[in-house]
């Protein structure tokens, strides 16, 4: 990872500002755009077997499509977080903490026999 998340967030903010897109970057619109882009990522795998999906990055054309859709999903997610004042890394860390308590690993001494 060559650029950190904050630098990418700044670039996205500057990109949108230069094009006067801020009025359109409402939480609802960004959530909708995020959903559309995630669906476009899913579409790449729509009729793939599990084995085919595991090999998707071996095909340069498919790999390029996957990378583009991942970029779109991440861009909209970062813009969504920016608009709502969410720190995505802090949110993820807190969620992992909750999941570790909710779904303890077997043999960790949290009720497993």
Protein backbone atom coordinates (compact mmCIF):
# COMPACT_ATOMS: atom_id res chain seq x y z
CA UNK A 1 0.00 0.00 0.00
CA UNK A 2 1.76 3.08 -1.25
CA UNK A 3 -0.61 5.86 -0.15
CA UNK A 4 -2.19 6.03 3.26
CA UNK A 5 -5.92 6.29 3.74
CA UNK A 6 -5.82 9.93 4.78
CA UNK A 7 -3.93 10.94 1.63
CA UNK A 8 -6.43 9.08 -0.54
CA UNK A 9 -9.33 10.70 1.30
CA UNK A 10 -7.82 14.14 0.68
CA UNK A 11 -7.33 13.37 -3.02
CA UNK A 12 -10.96 12.27 -3.33
CA UNK A 13 -12.18 15.40 -1.53
CA UNK A 14 -10.09 17.66 -3.76
CA UNK A 15 -11.23 15.78 -6.88
CA UNK A 16 -14.91 16.22 -5.99
CA UNK A 17 -14.44 19.86 -4.94
CA UNK A 18 -12.72 20.75 -8.21
CA UNK A 19 -15.77 19.46 -10.07
CA UNK A 20 -18.31 21.03 -7.66
CA UNK A 21 -19.76 17.63 -6.80
CA UNK A 22 -20.21 18.27 -3.06
CA UNK A 23 -23.97 19.03 -3.35
CA UNK A 24 -24.46 15.51 -4.73
CA UNK A 25 -22.32 13.82 -2.09
CA UNK A 26 -25.07 13.34 0.46
CA UNK A 27 -25.04 10.28 2.72
CA UNK A 28 -27.99 8.80 0.79
CA UNK A 29 -26.40 9.33 -2.62
CA UNK A 30 -23.02 8.01 -1.51
CA UNK A 31 -24.59 4.94 0.13
CA UNK A 32 -26.52 4.27 -3.09
CA UNK A 33 -23.38 4.69 -5.21
CA UNK A 34 -21.47 2.37 -2.87
CA UNK A 35 -24.18 -0.26 -3.26
CA UNK A 36 -24.12 0.04 -7.05
CA UNK A 37 -20.34 -0.32 -7.19
CA UNK A 38 -20.40 -3.32 -4.83
CA UNK A 39 -23.00 -4.88 -7.13
CA UNK A 40 -20.75 -4.27 -10.12
CA UNK A 41 -17.97 -6.11 -8.26
CA UNK A 42 -20.34 -8.98 -7.56
CA UNK A 43 -21.40 -9.07 -11.22
CA UNK A 44 -17.87 -10.10 -12.22
CA UNK A 45 -18.35 -13.31 -10.21
CA UNK A 46 -22.05 -13.83 -10.93
CA UNK A 47 -21.84 -17.11 -12.84
CA UNK A 48 -18.42 -18.26 -11.65
CA UNK A 49 -17.85 -21.46 -9.76
CA UNK A 50 -15.96 -21.11 -6.48
CA UNK A 51 -12.86 -22.40 -8.24
CA UNK A 52 -13.19 -19.92 -11.11
CA UNK A 53 -13.70 -17.05 -8.71
CA UNK A 54 -10.53 -18.01 -6.83
CA UNK A 55 -8.57 -17.71 -10.11
CA UNK A 56 -10.06 -14.41 -11.27
CA UNK A 57 -6.83 -12.47 -10.83
CA UNK A 58 -4.99 -14.84 -13.19
CA UNK A 59 -6.87 -13.31 -16.14
CA UNK A 60 -5.46 -9.81 -16.79
CA UNK A 61 -8.75 -8.44 -18.14
CA UNK A 62 -10.78 -9.80 -15.24
CA UNK A 63 -8.13 -8.66 -12.75
CA UNK A 64 -8.32 -5.13 -14.15
CA UNK A 65 -12.13 -5.13 -13.81
CA UNK A 66 -11.91 -6.40 -10.22
CA UNK A 67 -9.33 -3.77 -9.29
CA UNK A 68 -11.43 -0.99 -10.85
CA UNK A 69 -14.54 -2.05 -8.95
CA UNK A 70 -12.61 -2.41 -5.69
CA UNK A 71 -11.31 1.13 -6.24
CA UNK A 72 -14.84 2.42 -6.87
CA UNK A 73 -16.19 0.72 -3.73
CA UNK A 74 -13.36 2.09 -1.60
CA UNK A 75 -13.68 5.59 -3.08
CA UNK A 76 -17.39 5.80 -2.31
CA UNK A 77 -16.88 4.32 1.15
CA UNK A 78 -14.18 6.89 1.97
CA UNK A 79 -16.36 9.72 0.66
CA UNK A 80 -19.31 8.42 2.70
CA UNK A 81 -17.14 8.35 5.83
CA UNK A 82 -15.85 11.85 5.11
CA UNK A 83 -19.36 13.30 4.82
CA UNK A 84 -20.50 11.68 8.07
CA UNK A 85 -17.28 12.23 10.02
CA UNK A 86 -16.54 8.52 10.45
CA UNK A 87 -12.97 7.33 10.91
CA UNK A 88 -13.14 4.10 8.87
CA UNK A 89 -10.09 2.52 10.49
CA UNK A 90 -11.37 3.25 14.01
CA UNK A 91 -14.80 1.92 13.04
CA UNK A 92 -13.25 -1.27 11.67
CA UNK A 93 -11.05 -1.75 14.72
CA UNK A 94 -14.04 -1.34 17.06
CA UNK A 95 -16.06 -3.81 14.97
CA UNK A 96 -13.27 -6.41 15.08
CA UNK A 97 -13.11 -5.96 18.87
CA UNK A 98 -16.87 -6.57 19.15
CA UNK A 99 -16.67 -9.59 16.83
CA UNK A 100 -13.79 -11.10 18.81
CA UNK A 101 -15.96 -10.94 21.94
CA UNK A 102 -19.07 -12.14 20.11
CA UNK A 103 -17.38 -14.98 18.21
CA UNK A 104 -14.46 -16.22 20.32
CA UNK A 105 -12.02 -18.57 18.64
CA UNK A 106 -12.24 -22.19 19.76
CA UNK A 107 -9.87 -23.01 22.61
CA UNK A 108 -9.34 -19.40 23.73
CA UNK A 109 -10.67 -20.06 27.23
CA UNK A 110 -13.91 -18.18 26.61
CA UNK A 111 -16.37 -20.91 27.39
CA UNK A 112 -14.97 -23.61 25.12
CA UNK A 113 -14.56 -27.00 26.79
